[in-house]
Amino acid sequence: MKRRVYNQYCGLAAALDLLGERWTLLIIRNLLHGPKRFTDLEKGLPGIGGNLLTQRLRHLGSAGLVERVTLAPPAASVVYQLTADGRGLHQPLIELTRWGLGRQPPIDNATTIDATWIMLGLEARFEPEGSADLGGVYELRIDDAAHRLEVRDETLTIRAGHADDPLATVATSASTIAALNEGRDTLHDAVAAQRLVVSGDVERAVRLARAFGL
């Protein structure tokens, strides 16, 4: 099927020509913090279906935003990752996510919550002025997903995977983070009830959580 384009001399229209179809930006979102296998991408996009995901990945590949690569042994997995051009969408998506935070639907039994989406929300909530003296590497484990967080010069960098020798490690669930975001839980209560478990430098971990507005 031929893709529809706006044919307008406008940067926004040109961006929408590439990114405006359903699921496209969400695929980019799920690759922002590191490469993923096809099966993991599909799992992280409930409802997309394998055929449509294949179509969207082919489109993003032809647009030069996503590439298919084979990881070095021992993993040797075939994964999809953002190209340098694709990574240029990181900050615009952070800003768009920040704009959408107050417009998220209330959580109910039909709401899907995923660690990848939670991490993007945390990145959008990050307050640089609250991260002074927090420089270093941390690990955040949400359910079964680990992410490496590095704070340098009041700038946050997130990558999927475990951190080597982190200052602190925080283990929790996506639903707990969502409850903290919405004010249905507090950091004090979550720690006391072990819904959020901190090892390492507890004081720094708590201050980092505050920098995320938790």
N, C-alpha and C. Protein backbone atom coordinates (compact mmCIF):
# COMPACT_ATOMS: atom_id res chain seq x y z
N MET A 1 0.84 -1.19 0.00
CA MET A 1 0.00 0.00 0.00
C MET A 1 0.88 1.25 0.00
N LYS A 2 0.56 2.19 -0.88
CA LYS A 2 1.34 3.41 -0.97
C LYS A 2 1.12 4.27 0.26
N ARG A 3 2.20 4.80 0.80
CA ARG A 3 2.12 5.63 1.99
C ARG A 3 1.62 7.02 1.62
N ARG A 4 0.79 7.56 2.47
CA ARG A 4 0.29 8.91 2.26
C ARG A 4 1.29 9.91 2.82
N VAL A 5 1.52 10.97 2.09
CA VAL A 5 2.41 12.03 2.55
C VAL A 5 1.70 13.36 2.41
N TYR A 6 2.17 14.35 3.17
CA TYR A 6 1.52 15.65 3.16
C TYR A 6 1.96 16.52 1.99
N ASN A 7 3.20 16.30 1.50
CA ASN A 7 3.74 17.12 0.41
C ASN A 7 3.72 18.61 0.76
N GLN A 8 4.08 18.92 1.99
CA GLN A 8 4.14 20.31 2.44
C GLN A 8 5.59 20.69 2.72
N TYR A 9 5.96 21.91 2.36
CA TYR A 9 7.31 22.40 2.63
C TYR A 9 7.35 22.86 4.08
N CYS A 10 7.44 21.89 4.98
CA CYS A 10 7.36 22.15 6.41
C CYS A 10 8.09 21.03 7.14
N GLY A 11 8.97 21.38 8.07
CA GLY A 11 9.72 20.36 8.80
C GLY A 11 8.83 19.43 9.59
N LEU A 12 7.77 19.97 10.21
CA LEU A 12 6.87 19.13 10.99
C LEU A 12 6.14 18.14 10.09
N ALA A 13 5.68 18.62 8.94
CA ALA A 13 4.99 17.73 8.00
C ALA A 13 5.94 16.65 7.50
N ALA A 14 7.20 17.02 7.24
CA ALA A 14 8.18 16.03 6.79
C ALA A 14 8.42 14.97 7.86
N ALA A 15 8.47 15.41 9.13
CA ALA A 15 8.65 14.46 10.23
C ALA A 15 7.45 13.53 10.33
N LEU A 16 6.25 14.08 10.17
CA LEU A 16 5.05 13.25 10.24
C LEU A 16 4.94 12.29 9.06
N ASP A 17 5.48 12.69 7.91
CA ASP A 17 5.51 11.76 6.78
C ASP A 17 6.25 10.48 7.16
N LEU A 18 7.29 10.62 7.99
CA LEU A 18 8.09 9.46 8.39
C LEU A 18 7.57 8.78 9.65
N LEU A 19 7.00 9.57 10.56
CA LEU A 19 6.73 9.06 11.90
C LEU A 19 5.26 9.08 12.30
N GLY A 20 4.40 9.54 11.41
CA GLY A 20 3.02 9.79 11.80
C GLY A 20 2.10 8.59 11.85
N GLU A 21 2.51 7.46 11.30
CA GLU A 21 1.62 6.30 11.32
C GLU A 21 1.58 5.65 12.70
N ARG A 22 0.47 4.99 12.99
CA ARG A 22 0.28 4.36 14.29
C ARG A 22 1.40 3.37 14.60
N TRP A 23 1.87 3.38 15.83
CA TRP A 23 2.91 2.51 16.37
C TRP A 23 4.33 2.98 16.08
N THR A 24 4.52 3.83 15.08
CA THR A 24 5.88 4.16 14.66
C THR A 24 6.68 4.82 15.77
N LEU A 25 6.12 5.86 16.38
CA LEU A 25 6.85 6.54 17.46
C LEU A 25 7.03 5.64 18.68
N LEU A 26 6.09 4.73 18.89
CA LEU A 26 6.22 3.83 20.05
C LEU A 26 7.33 2.81 19.84
N ILE A 27 7.57 2.43 18.60
CA ILE A 27 8.72 1.57 18.30
C ILE A 27 10.01 2.32 18.61
N ILE A 28 10.08 3.57 18.17
CA ILE A 28 11.25 4.40 18.48
C ILE A 28 11.41 4.52 20.00
N ARG A 29 10.31 4.79 20.69
CA ARG A 29 10.35 4.88 22.16
C ARG A 29 10.98 3.65 22.79
N ASN A 30 10.57 2.47 22.32
CA ASN A 30 11.05 1.23 22.93
C ASN A 30 12.50 0.92 22.61
N LEU A 31 13.09 1.67 21.68
CA LEU A 31 14.51 1.47 21.33
C LEU A 31 15.41 2.58 21.88
N LEU A 32 14.85 3.56 22.56
CA LEU A 32 15.63 4.71 23.00
C LEU A 32 16.76 4.34 23.95
N HIS A 33 16.53 3.35 24.80
CA HIS A 33 17.52 3.02 25.83
C HIS A 33 18.35 1.80 25.50
N GLY A 34 18.24 1.31 24.26
CA GLY A 34 19.08 0.18 23.86
C GLY A 34 18.39 -0.72 22.86
N PRO A 35 19.16 -1.59 22.20
CA PRO A 35 18.61 -2.48 21.17
C PRO A 35 17.70 -3.54 21.76
N LYS A 36 16.81 -4.06 20.91
CA LYS A 36 15.89 -5.12 21.33
C LYS A 36 15.72 -6.15 20.22
N ARG A 37 15.47 -7.38 20.63
CA ARG A 37 15.11 -8.42 19.68
C ARG A 37 13.69 -8.19 19.20
N PHE A 38 13.36 -8.77 18.05
CA PHE A 38 12.02 -8.62 17.50
C PHE A 38 10.97 -9.08 18.50
N THR A 39 11.20 -10.23 19.12
CA THR A 39 10.22 -10.77 20.07
C THR A 39 10.02 -9.84 21.26
N ASP A 40 11.09 -9.20 21.71
CA ASP A 40 10.97 -8.27 22.84
C ASP A 40 10.24 -6.99 22.43
N LEU A 41 10.49 -6.55 21.20
CA LEU A 41 9.76 -5.39 20.70
C LEU A 41 8.27 -5.69 20.62
N GLU A 42 7.94 -6.86 20.08
CA GLU A 42 6.53 -7.23 19.94
C GLU A 42 5.86 -7.35 21.31
N LYS A 43 6.57 -7.94 22.27
CA LYS A 43 6.04 -8.09 23.62
C LYS A 43 5.80 -6.73 24.27
N GLY A 44 6.67 -5.78 23.97
CA GLY A 44 6.55 -4.45 24.56
C GLY A 44 5.59 -3.53 23.84
N LEU A 45 4.92 -4.04 22.81
CA LEU A 45 3.93 -3.25 22.06
C LEU A 45 2.65 -4.07 21.94
N PRO A 46 1.95 -4.30 23.05
CA PRO A 46 0.76 -5.15 23.02
C PRO A 46 -0.27 -4.67 22.00
N GLY A 47 -0.66 -5.59 21.12
CA GLY A 47 -1.67 -5.26 20.13
C GLY A 47 -1.14 -4.97 18.75
N ILE A 48 0.18 -4.84 18.59
CA ILE A 48 0.69 -4.47 17.27
C ILE A 48 0.64 -5.64 16.30
N GLY A 49 0.95 -6.84 16.71
CA GLY A 49 1.00 -7.99 15.81
C GLY A 49 2.31 -8.04 15.04
N GLY A 50 2.78 -9.25 14.78
CA GLY A 50 4.07 -9.43 14.14
C GLY A 50 4.17 -8.86 12.74
N ASN A 51 3.11 -9.01 11.94
CA ASN A 51 3.15 -8.53 10.56
C ASN A 51 3.28 -7.01 10.50
N LEU A 52 2.48 -6.32 11.32
CA LEU A 52 2.53 -4.86 11.30
C LEU A 52 3.86 -4.36 11.86
N LEU A 53 4.38 -5.03 12.88
CA LEU A 53 5.68 -4.64 13.42
C LEU A 53 6.76 -4.79 12.36
N THR A 54 6.70 -5.86 11.59
CA THR A 54 7.67 -6.06 10.50
C THR A 54 7.58 -4.93 9.49
N GLN A 55 6.36 -4.54 9.12
CA GLN A 55 6.17 -3.44 8.16
C GLN A 55 6.76 -2.14 8.69
N ARG A 56 6.47 -1.85 9.96
CA ARG A 56 6.95 -0.59 10.53
C ARG A 56 8.48 -0.59 10.63
N LEU A 57 9.07 -1.71 11.00
CA LEU A 57 10.53 -1.79 11.09
C LEU A 57 11.17 -1.63 9.72
N ARG A 58 10.56 -2.21 8.71
CA ARG A 58 11.09 -2.04 7.35
C ARG A 58 11.04 -0.57 6.94
N HIS A 59 9.94 0.09 7.25
CA HIS A 59 9.81 1.51 6.92
C HIS A 59 10.87 2.33 7.65
N LEU A 60 11.03 2.07 8.95
CA LEU A 60 12.02 2.82 9.72
C LEU A 60 13.44 2.52 9.25
N GLY A 61 13.65 1.28 8.80
CA GLY A 61 14.96 0.93 8.25
C GLY A 61 15.24 1.67 6.96
N SER A 62 14.25 1.71 6.08
CA SER A 62 14.44 2.41 4.80
C SER A 62 14.59 3.91 5.00
N ALA A 63 14.02 4.43 6.10
CA ALA A 63 14.15 5.85 6.41
C ALA A 63 15.48 6.17 7.10
N GLY A 64 16.26 5.13 7.41
CA GLY A 64 17.56 5.34 8.04
C GLY A 64 17.49 5.64 9.52
N LEU A 65 16.39 5.24 10.17
CA LEU A 65 16.22 5.53 11.60
C LEU A 65 16.49 4.31 12.48
N VAL A 66 16.30 3.12 11.94
CA VAL A 66 16.49 1.87 12.68
C VAL A 66 17.33 0.93 11.83
N GLU A 67 18.20 0.17 12.47
CA GLU A 67 19.00 -0.81 11.75
C GLU A 67 18.93 -2.16 12.45
N ARG A 68 19.10 -3.21 11.66
CA ARG A 68 19.09 -4.59 12.17
C ARG A 68 20.52 -5.07 12.23
N VAL A 69 20.97 -5.49 13.41
CA VAL A 69 22.36 -5.88 13.59
C VAL A 69 22.42 -7.19 14.38
N THR A 70 23.56 -7.86 14.30
CA THR A 70 23.80 -9.07 15.07
C THR A 70 24.81 -8.75 16.16
N LEU A 71 24.44 -9.04 17.40
CA LEU A 71 25.34 -8.77 18.52
C LEU A 71 26.53 -9.72 18.49
N ALA A 72 27.62 -9.28 19.05
CA ALA A 72 28.82 -10.11 19.12
C ALA A 72 28.59 -11.30 20.05
N PRO A 73 29.30 -12.42 19.83
CA PRO A 73 29.21 -13.57 20.73
C PRO A 73 29.60 -13.13 22.15
N PRO A 74 29.08 -13.77 23.20
CA PRO A 74 28.28 -15.00 23.12
C PRO A 74 26.80 -14.78 22.86
N ALA A 75 26.33 -13.52 22.89
CA ALA A 75 24.90 -13.28 22.66
C ALA A 75 24.49 -13.69 21.25
N ALA A 76 25.16 -13.11 20.25
CA ALA A 76 24.93 -13.42 18.83
C ALA A 76 23.46 -13.30 18.44
N SER A 77 22.71 -12.45 19.13
CA SER A 77 21.30 -12.26 18.82
C SER A 77 21.14 -11.20 17.74
N VAL A 78 20.10 -11.35 16.93
CA VAL A 78 19.74 -10.33 15.96
C VAL A 78 18.83 -9.33 16.66
N VAL A 79 19.21 -8.07 16.63
CA VAL A 79 18.45 -7.04 17.33
C VAL A 79 18.22 -5.85 16.42
N TYR A 80 17.30 -5.00 16.85
CA TYR A 80 17.04 -3.74 16.17
C TYR A 80 17.50 -2.61 17.08
N GLN A 81 18.14 -1.61 16.49
CA GLN A 81 18.63 -0.48 17.27
C GLN A 81 18.48 0.80 16.46
N LEU A 82 18.49 1.91 17.15
CA LEU A 82 18.40 3.21 16.49
C LEU A 82 19.73 3.55 15.83
N THR A 83 19.66 4.16 14.67
CA THR A 83 20.84 4.72 14.03
C THR A 83 21.15 6.07 14.69
N ALA A 84 22.23 6.70 14.27
CA ALA A 84 22.55 8.03 14.79
C ALA A 84 21.41 9.00 14.50
N ASP A 85 20.81 8.89 13.31
CA ASP A 85 19.68 9.75 12.97
C ASP A 85 18.48 9.44 13.85
N GLY A 86 18.24 8.16 14.10
CA GLY A 86 17.14 7.78 14.98
C GLY A 86 17.34 8.27 16.40
N ARG A 87 18.58 8.23 16.87
CA ARG A 87 18.86 8.71 18.23
C ARG A 87 18.63 10.21 18.36
N GLY A 88 18.62 10.90 17.24
CA GLY A 88 18.31 12.32 17.26
C GLY A 88 16.88 12.61 17.68
N LEU A 89 16.05 11.58 17.71
CA LEU A 89 14.66 11.75 18.16
C LEU A 89 14.52 11.68 19.67
N HIS A 90 15.60 11.36 20.37
CA HIS A 90 15.52 11.15 21.82
C HIS A 90 14.98 12.38 22.55
N GLN A 91 15.62 13.52 22.37
CA GLN A 91 15.18 14.70 23.10
C GLN A 91 13.79 15.16 22.69
N PRO A 92 13.45 15.18 21.39
CA PRO A 92 12.07 15.53 21.03
C PRO A 92 11.04 14.61 21.69
N LEU A 93 11.35 13.31 21.80
CA LEU A 93 10.40 12.40 22.43
C LEU A 93 10.33 12.62 23.94
N ILE A 94 11.44 13.01 24.55
CA ILE A 94 11.41 13.37 25.97
C ILE A 94 10.46 14.55 26.17
N GLU A 95 10.58 15.56 25.32
CA GLU A 95 9.73 16.75 25.45
C GLU A 95 8.27 16.40 25.20
N LEU A 96 8.00 15.55 24.22
CA LEU A 96 6.62 15.15 23.93
C LEU A 96 6.05 14.33 25.09
N THR A 97 6.89 13.46 25.66
CA THR A 97 6.46 12.68 26.83
C THR A 97 6.16 13.59 28.00
N ARG A 98 7.01 14.58 28.22
CA ARG A 98 6.79 15.54 29.32
C ARG A 98 5.46 16.26 29.14
N TRP A 99 5.15 16.61 27.91
CA TRP A 99 3.88 17.28 27.61
C TRP A 99 2.70 16.35 27.89
N GLY A 100 2.90 15.05 27.65
CA GLY A 100 1.80 14.10 27.80
C GLY A 100 1.63 13.54 29.20
N LEU A 101 2.58 13.80 30.10
CA LEU A 101 2.51 13.19 31.44
C LEU A 101 1.20 13.52 32.16
N GLY A 102 0.77 14.74 32.08
CA GLY A 102 -0.46 15.13 32.77
C GLY A 102 -1.71 14.73 32.04
N ARG A 103 -1.55 14.09 30.89
CA ARG A 103 -2.70 13.69 30.08
C ARG A 103 -2.87 12.17 30.02
N GLN A 104 -2.08 11.45 30.81
CA GLN A 104 -2.19 10.00 30.83
C GLN A 104 -3.54 9.59 31.41
N PRO A 105 -4.15 8.53 30.87
CA PRO A 105 -5.43 8.07 31.42
C PRO A 105 -5.22 7.48 32.81
N PRO A 106 -6.24 7.55 33.66
CA PRO A 106 -6.11 6.93 34.98
C PRO A 106 -5.91 5.42 34.85
N ILE A 107 -5.14 4.87 35.77
CA ILE A 107 -4.85 3.44 35.72
C ILE A 107 -6.04 2.64 36.22
N ASP A 108 -6.43 1.63 35.44
CA ASP A 108 -7.46 0.69 35.88
C ASP A 108 -7.02 -0.71 35.48
N ASN A 109 -7.91 -1.68 35.60
CA ASN A 109 -7.54 -3.07 35.33
C ASN A 109 -7.18 -3.31 33.87
N ALA A 110 -7.60 -2.41 32.98
CA ALA A 110 -7.32 -2.58 31.56
C ALA A 110 -6.03 -1.89 31.13
N THR A 111 -5.40 -1.16 32.05
CA THR A 111 -4.21 -0.39 31.71
C THR A 111 -2.97 -1.28 31.69
N THR A 112 -2.18 -1.15 30.63
CA THR A 112 -0.92 -1.88 30.54
C THR A 112 0.22 -0.98 31.01
N ILE A 113 1.08 -1.52 31.86
CA ILE A 113 2.24 -0.77 32.35
C ILE A 113 3.49 -1.59 32.05
N ASP A 114 4.51 -0.93 31.51
CA ASP A 114 5.72 -1.63 31.11
C ASP A 114 6.94 -0.84 31.60
N ALA A 115 7.98 -1.55 31.97
CA ALA A 115 9.18 -0.90 32.50
C ALA A 115 9.79 0.08 31.50
N THR A 116 9.78 -0.26 30.21
CA THR A 116 10.34 0.62 29.18
C THR A 116 9.63 1.96 29.17
N TRP A 117 8.31 1.91 29.26
CA TRP A 117 7.53 3.15 29.24
C TRP A 117 7.76 3.94 30.53
N ILE A 118 7.85 3.23 31.65
CA ILE A 118 8.10 3.89 32.93
C ILE A 118 9.43 4.64 32.89
N MET A 119 10.46 4.03 32.29
CA MET A 119 11.77 4.66 32.24
C MET A 119 11.73 5.96 31.44
N LEU A 120 10.99 5.98 30.35
CA LEU A 120 10.88 7.21 29.56
C LEU A 120 10.17 8.28 30.38
N GLY A 121 9.13 7.88 31.12
CA GLY A 121 8.43 8.83 31.97
C GLY A 121 9.34 9.41 33.05
N LEU A 122 10.17 8.55 33.65
CA LEU A 122 11.11 9.04 34.66
C LEU A 122 12.12 10.00 34.05
N GLU A 123 12.58 9.68 32.86
CA GLU A 123 13.54 10.56 32.18
C GLU A 123 12.91 11.93 31.92
N ALA A 124 11.63 11.92 31.55
CA ALA A 124 10.94 13.19 31.29
C ALA A 124 10.71 13.98 32.58
N ARG A 125 10.56 13.28 33.70
CA ARG A 125 10.32 13.94 34.98
C ARG A 125 11.61 14.43 35.65
N PHE A 126 12.75 13.98 35.17
CA PHE A 126 14.02 14.28 35.83
C PHE A 126 14.23 15.78 35.95
N GLU A 127 14.57 16.22 37.17
CA GLU A 127 14.81 17.63 37.45
C GLU A 127 16.30 17.84 37.68
N PRO A 128 17.02 18.39 36.69
CA PRO A 128 18.48 18.53 36.82
C PRO A 128 18.91 19.29 38.06
N GLU A 129 18.13 20.32 38.43
CA GLU A 129 18.54 21.12 39.59
C GLU A 129 18.47 20.31 40.89
N GLY A 130 17.75 19.19 40.86
CA GLY A 130 17.67 18.35 42.05
C GLY A 130 18.72 17.26 42.09
N SER A 131 19.61 17.25 41.09
CA SER A 131 20.60 16.16 40.99
C SER A 131 22.01 16.60 41.37
N ALA A 132 22.14 17.80 41.91
CA ALA A 132 23.47 18.27 42.32
C ALA A 132 24.09 17.29 43.32
N ASP A 133 25.36 17.00 43.13
CA ASP A 133 26.12 16.08 44.00
C ASP A 133 25.63 14.64 43.93
N LEU A 134 24.86 14.30 42.89
CA LEU A 134 24.41 12.92 42.73
C LEU A 134 25.20 12.19 41.65
N GLY A 135 26.27 12.82 41.16
CA GLY A 135 27.03 12.23 40.07
C GLY A 135 27.46 10.80 40.35
N GLY A 136 27.26 9.93 39.35
CA GLY A 136 27.64 8.53 39.49
C GLY A 136 26.68 7.63 38.75
N VAL A 137 26.87 6.33 38.94
CA VAL A 137 26.09 5.32 38.24
C VAL A 137 25.18 4.60 39.23
N TYR A 138 23.95 4.36 38.81
CA TYR A 138 22.95 3.68 39.63
C TYR A 138 22.30 2.59 38.79
N GLU A 139 21.64 1.65 39.47
CA GLU A 139 20.87 0.64 38.76
C GLU A 139 19.44 0.66 39.27
N LEU A 140 18.50 0.67 38.34
CA LEU A 140 17.08 0.61 38.67
C LEU A 140 16.50 -0.65 38.05
N ARG A 141 15.98 -1.52 38.88
CA ARG A 141 15.35 -2.76 38.42
C ARG A 141 13.85 -2.63 38.57
N ILE A 142 13.17 -2.64 37.45
CA ILE A 142 11.71 -2.58 37.46
C ILE A 142 11.19 -3.92 36.97
N ASP A 143 10.55 -4.66 37.88
CA ASP A 143 10.13 -6.03 37.58
C ASP A 143 11.37 -6.82 37.15
N ASP A 144 11.39 -7.37 35.93
CA ASP A 144 12.55 -8.16 35.51
C ASP A 144 13.47 -7.40 34.57
N ALA A 145 13.30 -6.07 34.49
CA ALA A 145 14.11 -5.25 33.59
C ALA A 145 15.07 -4.36 34.39
N ALA A 146 16.36 -4.45 34.06
CA ALA A 146 17.38 -3.62 34.72
C ALA A 146 17.79 -2.48 33.80
N HIS A 147 18.02 -1.31 34.39
CA HIS A 147 18.49 -0.16 33.63
C HIS A 147 19.64 0.51 34.38
N ARG A 148 20.62 0.94 33.60
CA ARG A 148 21.77 1.67 34.14
C ARG A 148 21.50 3.16 34.01
N LEU A 149 21.56 3.86 35.12
CA LEU A 149 21.34 5.30 35.15
C LEU A 149 22.65 5.98 35.53
N GLU A 150 23.05 6.95 34.73
CA GLU A 150 24.26 7.71 35.04
C GLU A 150 23.92 9.19 35.11
N VAL A 151 24.31 9.81 36.20
CA VAL A 151 24.14 11.25 36.37
C VAL A 151 25.50 11.90 36.30
N ARG A 152 25.66 12.82 35.36
CA ARG A 152 26.92 13.56 35.20
C ARG A 152 26.58 15.01 34.88
N ASP A 153 27.11 15.93 35.68
CA ASP A 153 26.90 17.36 35.43
C ASP A 153 25.42 17.68 35.27
N GLU A 154 24.60 17.11 36.16
CA GLU A 154 23.16 17.33 36.18
C GLU A 154 22.48 16.84 34.90
N THR A 155 23.11 15.90 34.21
CA THR A 155 22.54 15.29 33.01
C THR A 155 22.34 13.80 33.28
N LEU A 156 21.18 13.28 32.88
CA LEU A 156 20.84 11.88 33.09
C LEU A 156 20.97 11.10 31.79
N THR A 157 21.63 9.94 31.86
CA THR A 157 21.72 9.02 30.73
C THR A 157 21.22 7.66 31.19
N ILE A 158 20.32 7.07 30.41
CA ILE A 158 19.74 5.77 30.76
C ILE A 158 20.06 4.77 29.66
N ARG A 159 20.49 3.58 30.06
CA ARG A 159 20.71 2.48 29.12
C ARG A 159 20.14 1.21 29.73
N ALA A 160 19.56 0.39 28.89
CA ALA A 160 19.05 -0.89 29.34
C ALA A 160 20.21 -1.79 29.74
N GLY A 161 20.02 -2.57 30.80
CA GLY A 161 21.05 -3.50 31.24
C GLY A 161 21.56 -3.18 32.63
N HIS A 162 22.37 -4.08 33.15
CA HIS A 162 22.89 -3.92 34.51
C HIS A 162 24.05 -2.92 34.54
N ALA A 163 24.22 -2.30 35.70
CA ALA A 163 25.32 -1.36 35.93
C ALA A 163 26.45 -2.07 36.65
N ASP A 164 27.68 -1.73 36.29
CA ASP A 164 28.85 -2.25 37.00
C ASP A 164 29.12 -1.40 38.23
N ASP A 165 29.12 -2.02 39.39
CA ASP A 165 29.46 -1.36 40.65
C ASP A 165 28.68 -0.06 40.86
N PRO A 166 27.34 -0.12 40.85
CA PRO A 166 26.55 1.10 41.04
C PRO A 166 26.65 1.64 42.46
N LEU A 167 26.46 2.94 42.60
CA LEU A 167 26.43 3.56 43.93
C LEU A 167 25.26 3.03 44.74
N ALA A 168 24.14 2.77 44.06
CA ALA A 168 22.96 2.22 44.72
C ALA A 168 22.15 1.45 43.69
N THR A 169 21.44 0.45 44.17
CA THR A 169 20.53 -0.33 43.33
C THR A 169 19.13 -0.25 43.93
N VAL A 170 18.17 0.06 43.09
CA VAL A 170 16.77 0.16 43.52
C VAL A 170 15.97 -0.90 42.77
N ALA A 171 15.23 -1.71 43.51
CA ALA A 171 14.39 -2.75 42.91
C ALA A 171 12.94 -2.49 43.28
N THR A 172 12.08 -2.46 42.26
CA THR A 172 10.67 -2.17 42.49
C THR A 172 9.86 -2.73 41.33
N SER A 173 8.61 -2.33 41.23
CA SER A 173 7.74 -2.78 40.15
C SER A 173 7.21 -1.59 39.37
N ALA A 174 6.77 -1.84 38.15
CA ALA A 174 6.20 -0.77 37.33
C ALA A 174 4.96 -0.19 38.00
N SER A 175 4.16 -1.05 38.61
CA SER A 175 2.94 -0.57 39.25
C SER A 175 3.26 0.32 40.46
N THR A 176 4.34 0.03 41.17
CA THR A 176 4.74 0.88 42.30
C THR A 176 5.20 2.25 41.81
N ILE A 177 6.00 2.28 40.75
CA ILE A 177 6.44 3.56 40.19
C ILE A 177 5.23 4.37 39.73
N ALA A 178 4.28 3.71 39.08
CA ALA A 178 3.08 4.40 38.63
C ALA A 178 2.30 4.97 39.81
N ALA A 179 2.20 4.20 40.89
CA ALA A 179 1.49 4.68 42.08
C ALA A 179 2.20 5.87 42.70
N LEU A 180 3.54 5.85 42.72
CA LEU A 180 4.30 6.99 43.22
C LEU A 180 4.09 8.21 42.34
N ASN A 181 4.10 8.01 41.03
CA ASN A 181 3.88 9.12 40.10
C ASN A 181 2.53 9.77 40.33
N GLU A 182 1.52 8.95 40.61
CA GLU A 182 0.15 9.45 40.73
C GLU A 182 -0.19 9.90 42.14
N GLY A 183 0.74 9.74 43.08
CA GLY A 183 0.47 10.15 44.44
C GLY A 183 -0.36 9.16 45.24
N ARG A 184 -0.54 7.94 44.71
CA ARG A 184 -1.29 6.91 45.44
C ARG A 184 -0.39 6.15 46.41
N ASP A 185 0.88 6.40 46.36
CA ASP A 185 1.85 5.79 47.26
C ASP A 185 2.90 6.85 47.58
N THR A 186 3.63 6.65 48.65
CA THR A 186 4.72 7.56 48.99
C THR A 186 6.02 6.77 49.04
N LEU A 187 7.11 7.48 48.86
CA LEU A 187 8.42 6.83 48.89
C LEU A 187 8.65 6.17 50.25
N HIS A 188 8.27 6.86 51.30
CA HIS A 188 8.45 6.32 52.66
C HIS A 188 7.68 5.02 52.83
N ASP A 189 6.41 5.01 52.42
CA ASP A 189 5.58 3.82 52.59
C ASP A 189 6.06 2.68 51.70
N ALA A 190 6.48 3.01 50.47
CA ALA A 190 6.94 1.97 49.55
C ALA A 190 8.19 1.29 50.07
N VAL A 191 9.10 2.07 50.66
CA VAL A 191 10.32 1.49 51.23
C VAL A 191 9.98 0.67 52.47
N ALA A 192 9.11 1.20 53.32
CA ALA A 192 8.76 0.51 54.56
C ALA A 192 8.09 -0.84 54.28
N ALA A 193 7.28 -0.89 53.22
CA ALA A 193 6.56 -2.12 52.87
C ALA A 193 7.36 -2.99 51.90
N GLN A 194 8.57 -2.56 51.57
CA GLN A 194 9.46 -3.29 50.65
C GLN A 194 8.86 -3.45 49.25
N ARG A 195 8.00 -2.52 48.90
CA ARG A 195 7.59 -2.44 47.49
C ARG A 195 8.70 -1.80 46.68
N LEU A 196 9.59 -1.11 47.36
CA LEU A 196 10.77 -0.50 46.76
C LEU A 196 11.95 -0.80 47.69
N VAL A 197 12.93 -1.54 47.17
CA VAL A 197 14.05 -2.01 47.99
C VAL A 197 15.34 -1.35 47.50
N VAL A 198 16.07 -0.75 48.42
CA VAL A 198 17.31 -0.04 48.08
C VAL A 198 18.49 -0.75 48.72
N SER A 199 19.53 -0.96 47.93
CA SER A 199 20.80 -1.45 48.46
C SER A 199 21.90 -0.49 48.03
N GLY A 200 22.95 -0.40 48.85
CA GLY A 200 24.02 0.55 48.55
C GLY A 200 23.77 1.86 49.30
N ASP A 201 24.05 2.97 48.64
CA ASP A 201 23.93 4.29 49.25
C ASP A 201 22.46 4.72 49.27
N VAL A 202 21.80 4.45 50.38
CA VAL A 202 20.36 4.72 50.49
C VAL A 202 20.06 6.21 50.37
N GLU A 203 20.88 7.04 51.00
CA GLU A 203 20.63 8.49 50.98
C GLU A 203 20.68 9.03 49.56
N ARG A 204 21.66 8.59 48.78
CA ARG A 204 21.75 9.03 47.38
C ARG A 204 20.57 8.51 46.57
N ALA A 205 20.18 7.26 46.81
CA ALA A 205 19.06 6.69 46.07
C ALA A 205 17.77 7.46 46.34
N VAL A 206 17.55 7.85 47.57
CA VAL A 206 16.35 8.62 47.92
C VAL A 206 16.40 9.99 47.25
N ARG A 207 17.56 10.62 47.26
CA ARG A 207 17.68 11.93 46.61
C ARG A 207 17.48 11.82 45.10
N LEU A 208 17.95 10.72 44.51
CA LEU A 208 17.73 10.52 43.09
C LEU A 208 16.25 10.35 42.81
N ALA A 209 15.57 9.59 43.66
CA ALA A 209 14.12 9.43 43.50
C ALA A 209 13.42 10.78 43.57
N ARG A 210 13.87 11.64 44.47
CA ARG A 210 13.28 12.98 44.57
C ARG A 210 13.52 13.78 43.29
N ALA A 211 14.68 13.57 42.66
CA ALA A 211 14.97 14.27 41.41
C ALA A 211 14.03 13.83 40.30
N PHE A 212 13.41 12.65 40.46
CA PHE A 212 12.40 12.19 39.51
C PHE A 212 10.99 12.62 39.94
N GLY A 213 10.91 13.38 41.00
CA GLY A 213 9.61 13.84 41.47
C GLY A 213 8.82 12.80 42.21
N LEU A 214 9.47 11.74 42.69
CA LEU A 214 8.76 10.66 43.39
C LEU A 214 8.60 10.98 44.88
